[in-house]
């Protein structure tokens, strides 16, 4: 099972969260992108841009934060945290 936890924070308070599960035989990269799509759909957000800092942080820690500079549209929160919590 592959599980990702998506969380929206404003002023150090979690406003929303969702857990996305994926048990397909897809590659890890595809699972990550599908999970991010589902998180953004659930929160009604545009898809964030993966900046180099996001990629490095995600490769090291299996988590990253998307701030305003990753989004084309204005956001009503401080950041979206994207965290892999379980991998098979």
N, C-alpha and C. Protein backbone atom coordinates (compact mmCIF):
# COMPACT_ATOMS: atom_id res chain seq x y z
N UNK A 1 0.85 -1.18 0.00
CA UNK A 1 0.00 0.00 0.00
C UNK A 1 0.89 1.24 0.00
N UNK A 2 0.53 2.19 -0.80
CA UNK A 2 1.23 3.47 -0.90
C UNK A 2 0.26 4.54 -0.39
N UNK A 3 0.64 5.27 0.66
CA UNK A 3 -0.25 6.28 1.23
C UNK A 3 0.47 7.63 1.31
N UNK A 4 -0.28 8.66 0.98
CA UNK A 4 0.23 10.03 1.02
C UNK A 4 -0.72 10.86 1.86
N UNK A 5 -0.14 11.75 2.65
CA UNK A 5 -0.92 12.64 3.49
C UNK A 5 -0.75 14.07 2.97
N UNK A 6 -1.83 14.68 2.54
CA UNK A 6 -1.81 16.07 2.09
C UNK A 6 -2.45 16.96 3.13
N UNK A 7 -1.77 18.08 3.48
CA UNK A 7 -2.26 18.96 4.53
C UNK A 7 -2.12 20.41 4.09
N UNK A 8 -3.11 21.23 4.44
CA UNK A 8 -3.05 22.66 4.18
C UNK A 8 -2.91 23.38 5.52
N UNK A 9 -1.93 24.30 5.59
CA UNK A 9 -1.65 25.04 6.82
C UNK A 9 -1.79 26.54 6.60
N UNK A 10 -2.32 27.22 7.60
CA UNK A 10 -2.35 28.68 7.64
C UNK A 10 -2.09 29.09 9.08
N UNK A 11 -1.11 29.97 9.26
CA UNK A 11 -0.72 30.45 10.61
C UNK A 11 -0.44 29.30 11.56
N UNK A 12 0.28 28.30 11.08
CA UNK A 12 0.67 27.13 11.86
C UNK A 12 -0.50 26.29 12.36
N UNK A 13 -1.65 26.40 11.70
CA UNK A 13 -2.80 25.57 12.01
C UNK A 13 -3.19 24.78 10.77
N UNK A 14 -3.44 23.50 10.97
CA UNK A 14 -3.87 22.67 9.85
C UNK A 14 -5.34 22.96 9.56
N UNK A 15 -5.63 23.40 8.34
CA UNK A 15 -7.00 23.71 7.95
C UNK A 15 -7.71 22.48 7.41
N UNK A 16 -7.02 21.72 6.56
CA UNK A 16 -7.60 20.54 5.92
C UNK A 16 -6.53 19.48 5.78
N UNK A 17 -6.97 18.24 5.73
CA UNK A 17 -6.04 17.15 5.42
C UNK A 17 -6.78 16.03 4.72
N UNK A 18 -6.02 15.24 4.01
CA UNK A 18 -6.58 14.09 3.29
C UNK A 18 -5.48 13.04 3.18
N UNK A 19 -5.88 11.79 3.23
CA UNK A 19 -4.97 10.68 3.00
C UNK A 19 -5.38 10.00 1.70
N UNK A 20 -4.41 9.82 0.82
CA UNK A 20 -4.65 9.18 -0.47
C UNK A 20 -3.95 7.83 -0.46
N UNK A 21 -4.69 6.78 -0.78
CA UNK A 21 -4.14 5.43 -0.83
C UNK A 21 -4.07 4.95 -2.27
N UNK A 22 -3.02 4.18 -2.57
CA UNK A 22 -2.86 3.64 -3.92
C UNK A 22 -2.24 2.26 -3.80
N UNK A 23 -2.92 1.25 -4.30
CA UNK A 23 -2.41 -0.12 -4.23
C UNK A 23 -2.13 -0.70 -5.62
N UNK A 24 -2.01 0.17 -6.61
CA UNK A 24 -1.73 -0.30 -7.97
C UNK A 24 -0.27 -0.72 -8.09
N UNK A 25 0.08 -1.29 -9.21
CA UNK A 25 1.46 -1.71 -9.44
C UNK A 25 2.23 -0.66 -10.25
N UNK A 26 1.76 0.58 -10.23
CA UNK A 26 2.42 1.68 -10.91
C UNK A 26 3.80 1.95 -10.30
N UNK A 27 4.59 2.76 -10.98
CA UNK A 27 5.88 3.15 -10.42
C UNK A 27 5.66 4.14 -9.29
N UNK A 28 6.67 4.32 -8.45
CA UNK A 28 6.56 5.26 -7.33
C UNK A 28 6.29 6.67 -7.84
N UNK A 29 6.96 7.06 -8.90
CA UNK A 29 6.78 8.41 -9.46
C UNK A 29 5.33 8.63 -9.90
N UNK A 30 4.76 7.65 -10.60
CA UNK A 30 3.38 7.77 -11.03
C UNK A 30 2.43 7.84 -9.83
N UNK A 31 2.71 7.04 -8.81
CA UNK A 31 1.88 7.07 -7.61
C UNK A 31 1.93 8.44 -6.93
N UNK A 32 3.12 9.04 -6.89
CA UNK A 32 3.28 10.36 -6.27
C UNK A 32 2.48 11.40 -7.05
N UNK A 33 2.61 11.41 -8.37
CA UNK A 33 1.90 12.40 -9.18
C UNK A 33 0.38 12.19 -9.13
N UNK A 34 -0.07 10.94 -9.13
CA UNK A 34 -1.51 10.67 -9.02
C UNK A 34 -2.04 11.13 -7.65
N UNK A 35 -1.26 10.89 -6.61
CA UNK A 35 -1.68 11.31 -5.27
C UNK A 35 -1.76 12.83 -5.18
N UNK A 36 -0.79 13.53 -5.76
CA UNK A 36 -0.83 14.99 -5.75
C UNK A 36 -2.04 15.50 -6.53
N UNK A 37 -2.35 14.86 -7.65
CA UNK A 37 -3.56 15.22 -8.41
C UNK A 37 -4.81 15.06 -7.55
N UNK A 38 -4.90 13.95 -6.81
CA UNK A 38 -6.07 13.70 -5.98
C UNK A 38 -6.18 14.71 -4.83
N UNK A 39 -5.04 15.04 -4.23
CA UNK A 39 -5.03 16.03 -3.15
C UNK A 39 -5.51 17.38 -3.67
N UNK A 40 -4.97 17.80 -4.80
CA UNK A 40 -5.36 19.09 -5.38
C UNK A 40 -6.83 19.10 -5.79
N UNK A 41 -7.32 17.99 -6.31
CA UNK A 41 -8.73 17.90 -6.69
C UNK A 41 -9.62 18.01 -5.44
N UNK A 42 -9.24 17.30 -4.38
CA UNK A 42 -10.04 17.32 -3.15
C UNK A 42 -10.07 18.70 -2.51
N UNK A 43 -8.96 19.44 -2.60
CA UNK A 43 -8.87 20.77 -2.00
C UNK A 43 -9.24 21.88 -2.99
N UNK A 44 -9.61 21.51 -4.22
CA UNK A 44 -9.97 22.47 -5.27
C UNK A 44 -8.83 23.46 -5.53
N UNK A 45 -7.63 22.90 -5.77
CA UNK A 45 -6.44 23.70 -6.02
C UNK A 45 -5.91 23.43 -7.42
N UNK A 46 -5.20 24.41 -7.96
CA UNK A 46 -4.45 24.14 -9.19
C UNK A 46 -3.23 23.30 -8.80
N UNK A 47 -2.69 22.56 -9.74
CA UNK A 47 -1.55 21.71 -9.44
C UNK A 47 -0.31 22.58 -9.25
N UNK A 48 0.45 22.32 -8.18
CA UNK A 48 1.66 23.11 -7.95
C UNK A 48 2.79 22.68 -8.89
N UNK A 49 3.71 23.59 -9.08
CA UNK A 49 4.90 23.33 -9.88
C UNK A 49 5.98 22.77 -8.97
N UNK A 50 6.61 21.70 -9.40
CA UNK A 50 7.71 21.11 -8.64
C UNK A 50 8.97 21.93 -8.89
N UNK A 51 9.34 22.77 -7.96
CA UNK A 51 10.59 23.52 -8.05
C UNK A 51 11.74 22.61 -7.64
N UNK A 52 12.97 23.02 -7.98
CA UNK A 52 14.13 22.21 -7.62
C UNK A 52 14.20 21.95 -6.12
N UNK A 53 13.85 22.94 -5.33
CA UNK A 53 13.88 22.77 -3.87
C UNK A 53 12.86 21.72 -3.42
N UNK A 54 11.70 21.68 -4.07
CA UNK A 54 10.70 20.66 -3.74
C UNK A 54 11.20 19.27 -4.08
N UNK A 55 11.81 19.14 -5.24
CA UNK A 55 12.32 17.83 -5.67
C UNK A 55 13.40 17.33 -4.71
N UNK A 56 14.35 18.20 -4.36
CA UNK A 56 15.42 17.80 -3.44
C UNK A 56 14.87 17.39 -2.07
N UNK A 57 13.96 18.20 -1.54
CA UNK A 57 13.37 17.90 -0.24
C UNK A 57 12.59 16.59 -0.28
N UNK A 58 11.84 16.37 -1.35
CA UNK A 58 11.05 15.14 -1.47
C UNK A 58 11.95 13.92 -1.61
N UNK A 59 13.04 14.04 -2.35
CA UNK A 59 13.96 12.92 -2.51
C UNK A 59 14.63 12.56 -1.18
N UNK A 60 14.94 13.54 -0.37
CA UNK A 60 15.62 13.29 0.90
C UNK A 60 14.69 12.78 1.99
N UNK A 61 13.49 13.39 2.09
CA UNK A 61 12.65 13.14 3.25
C UNK A 61 11.27 12.56 2.94
N UNK A 62 10.96 12.34 1.67
CA UNK A 62 9.64 11.85 1.24
C UNK A 62 8.53 12.80 1.68
N UNK A 63 8.87 14.09 1.75
CA UNK A 63 7.89 15.13 2.08
C UNK A 63 8.38 16.44 1.51
N UNK A 64 7.43 17.31 1.19
CA UNK A 64 7.78 18.64 0.72
C UNK A 64 6.63 19.58 1.03
N UNK A 65 6.94 20.87 0.96
CA UNK A 65 5.93 21.90 1.16
C UNK A 65 5.87 22.77 -0.08
N UNK A 66 4.67 22.98 -0.56
CA UNK A 66 4.44 23.85 -1.70
C UNK A 66 3.93 25.19 -1.20
N UNK A 67 4.71 26.25 -1.42
CA UNK A 67 4.34 27.60 -1.02
C UNK A 67 3.74 28.34 -2.22
N UNK A 68 3.42 29.62 -2.03
CA UNK A 68 2.80 30.42 -3.08
C UNK A 68 3.60 30.40 -4.38
N UNK A 69 4.91 30.36 -4.30
CA UNK A 69 5.72 30.40 -5.53
C UNK A 69 5.59 29.14 -6.38
N UNK A 70 4.99 28.08 -5.84
CA UNK A 70 4.75 26.86 -6.61
C UNK A 70 3.40 26.86 -7.31
N UNK A 71 2.55 27.81 -6.97
CA UNK A 71 1.21 27.87 -7.54
C UNK A 71 1.08 29.04 -8.50
N UNK A 72 0.36 28.84 -9.58
CA UNK A 72 0.10 29.91 -10.54
C UNK A 72 -0.97 30.85 -9.98
N UNK A 73 -2.00 30.27 -9.35
CA UNK A 73 -3.08 31.06 -8.76
C UNK A 73 -2.71 31.50 -7.35
N UNK A 74 -3.41 32.52 -6.85
CA UNK A 74 -3.24 32.91 -5.45
C UNK A 74 -3.83 31.82 -4.56
N UNK A 75 -3.20 31.60 -3.42
CA UNK A 75 -3.69 30.60 -2.48
C UNK A 75 -4.11 31.28 -1.19
N UNK A 76 -5.05 30.68 -0.49
CA UNK A 76 -5.61 31.26 0.73
C UNK A 76 -4.92 30.72 1.98
N UNK A 77 -3.87 29.94 1.82
CA UNK A 77 -3.18 29.31 2.94
C UNK A 77 -1.68 29.59 2.80
N UNK A 78 -0.92 29.19 3.80
CA UNK A 78 0.53 29.43 3.78
C UNK A 78 1.28 28.39 2.96
N UNK A 79 0.93 27.11 3.13
CA UNK A 79 1.59 26.06 2.34
C UNK A 79 0.77 24.79 2.33
N UNK A 80 1.04 23.97 1.31
CA UNK A 80 0.48 22.63 1.17
C UNK A 80 1.62 21.66 1.47
N UNK A 81 1.44 20.83 2.48
CA UNK A 81 2.46 19.83 2.80
C UNK A 81 2.04 18.51 2.18
N UNK A 82 2.98 17.85 1.56
CA UNK A 82 2.75 16.61 0.83
C UNK A 82 3.74 15.59 1.38
N UNK A 83 3.24 14.51 2.00
CA UNK A 83 4.09 13.62 2.78
C UNK A 83 3.73 12.16 2.51
N UNK A 84 4.70 11.37 2.06
CA UNK A 84 4.50 9.93 1.90
C UNK A 84 4.58 9.29 3.28
N UNK A 85 3.52 8.62 3.71
CA UNK A 85 3.50 8.03 5.03
C UNK A 85 3.64 6.51 5.03
N UNK A 86 3.46 5.90 3.86
CA UNK A 86 3.63 4.45 3.79
C UNK A 86 3.95 4.04 2.36
N UNK A 87 4.95 3.20 2.23
CA UNK A 87 5.30 2.63 0.93
C UNK A 87 5.40 1.13 1.06
N UNK A 88 5.04 0.42 -0.03
CA UNK A 88 5.16 -1.03 0.04
C UNK A 88 6.50 -1.51 -0.36
